């Protein structure tokens, strides 16, 4: 269903809270169909993102280590995304 969500288990270094939240946000966006937030969707959407991120962090902490790291690089670790984020900051 969500082919664009990258595996976070087994990353070196481990997935950051920002990466977990980004994956949760992608998932909630996909299942709800909400692409832009309005006053009526913001609260439920953000609550869902927080719940999914919390569940994701918990399951990543409980699962055993992977034998091999994931084959794809999470979006927040890709050079073009890092450069874009750096340009926005300053």
Protein backbone atom coordinates (compact mmCIF):
# COMPACT_ATOMS: atom_id res chain seq x y z
CA UNK A 1 0.00 0.00 0.00
CA UNK A 2 2.63 2.56 1.00
CA UNK A 3 5.55 1.70 -1.21
CA UNK A 4 7.11 5.12 -0.58
CA UNK A 5 7.57 4.50 3.12
CA UNK A 6 11.13 3.35 3.68
CA UNK A 7 12.10 0.58 6.10
CA UNK A 8 13.55 2.09 9.27
CA UNK A 9 14.56 -1.07 11.09
CA UNK A 10 18.26 -1.82 10.86
CA UNK A 11 19.47 1.63 9.92
CA UNK A 12 22.95 2.66 11.02
CA UNK A 13 22.77 4.94 12.87
CA UNK A 14 19.32 4.02 14.18
CA UNK A 15 16.24 5.83 12.90
CA UNK A 16 15.81 9.26 14.43
CA UNK A 17 12.57 10.59 15.91
CA UNK A 18 12.32 12.88 12.86
CA UNK A 19 12.56 9.90 10.48
CA UNK A 20 9.96 8.00 12.47
CA UNK A 21 7.61 11.00 12.41
CA UNK A 22 8.14 11.50 8.66
CA UNK A 23 7.20 7.86 8.01
CA UNK A 24 4.16 8.18 10.29
CA UNK A 25 3.10 11.35 8.48
CA UNK A 26 3.40 9.60 5.09
CA UNK A 27 1.34 6.67 6.33
CA UNK A 28 -1.42 8.84 7.80
CA UNK A 29 -1.51 10.97 4.63
CA UNK A 30 -1.90 7.84 2.51
CA UNK A 31 -4.64 6.15 4.54
CA UNK A 32 -6.67 9.32 5.11
CA UNK A 33 -6.24 10.92 1.70
CA UNK A 34 -5.55 14.23 3.46
CA UNK A 35 -2.88 16.09 1.50
CA UNK A 36 -3.26 19.57 2.99
CA UNK A 37 -4.49 20.33 6.46
CA UNK A 38 -7.48 22.51 7.24
CA UNK A 39 -8.77 23.62 10.61
CA UNK A 40 -11.13 20.63 10.67
CA UNK A 41 -8.50 18.02 9.74
CA UNK A 42 -5.41 19.32 11.59
CA UNK A 43 -6.27 17.99 15.07
CA UNK A 44 -7.26 14.45 14.12
CA UNK A 45 -4.45 14.22 11.57
CA UNK A 46 -1.72 15.32 14.00
CA UNK A 47 -3.11 13.03 16.71
CA UNK A 48 -2.94 10.10 14.29
CA UNK A 49 0.64 10.99 13.30
CA UNK A 50 1.66 11.07 16.98
CA UNK A 51 0.00 7.71 17.67
CA UNK A 52 1.57 6.03 14.62
CA UNK A 53 5.00 7.50 15.44
CA UNK A 54 4.74 6.25 19.02
CA UNK A 55 3.73 2.77 17.87
CA UNK A 56 6.52 2.75 15.28
CA UNK A 57 9.18 3.75 17.82
CA UNK A 58 7.92 1.06 20.19
CA UNK A 59 8.00 -1.73 17.62
CA UNK A 60 11.45 -0.68 16.34
CA UNK A 61 12.75 -0.82 19.92
CA UNK A 62 11.30 -4.29 20.49
CA UNK A 63 12.28 -6.03 17.25
CA UNK A 64 15.59 -7.89 17.04
CA UNK A 65 18.40 -6.41 14.96
CA UNK A 66 18.35 -7.04 11.22
CA UNK A 67 21.06 -9.13 9.63
CA UNK A 68 21.41 -6.61 6.81
CA UNK A 69 20.49 -2.93 6.65
CA UNK A 70 17.59 -1.84 4.43
CA UNK A 71 18.43 -1.50 0.74
CA UNK A 72 16.95 1.98 0.41
CA UNK A 73 18.00 5.21 2.08
CA UNK A 74 15.29 6.98 4.08
CA UNK A 75 14.26 10.33 2.56
CA UNK A 76 15.65 12.43 5.41
CA UNK A 77 19.11 10.91 4.77
CA UNK A 78 19.16 11.55 1.01
CA UNK A 79 21.63 14.28 -0.02
CA UNK A 80 19.07 16.27 -2.02
CA UNK A 81 16.65 16.36 0.91
CA UNK A 82 19.40 17.31 3.37
CA UNK A 83 20.45 20.16 1.04
CA UNK A 84 16.84 21.35 0.68
CA UNK A 85 16.35 21.35 4.45
CA UNK A 86 19.64 23.23 4.99
CA UNK A 87 18.62 25.87 2.42
CA UNK A 88 15.30 26.43 4.22
CA UNK A 89 17.06 26.93 7.55
CA UNK A 90 19.34 29.49 6.42
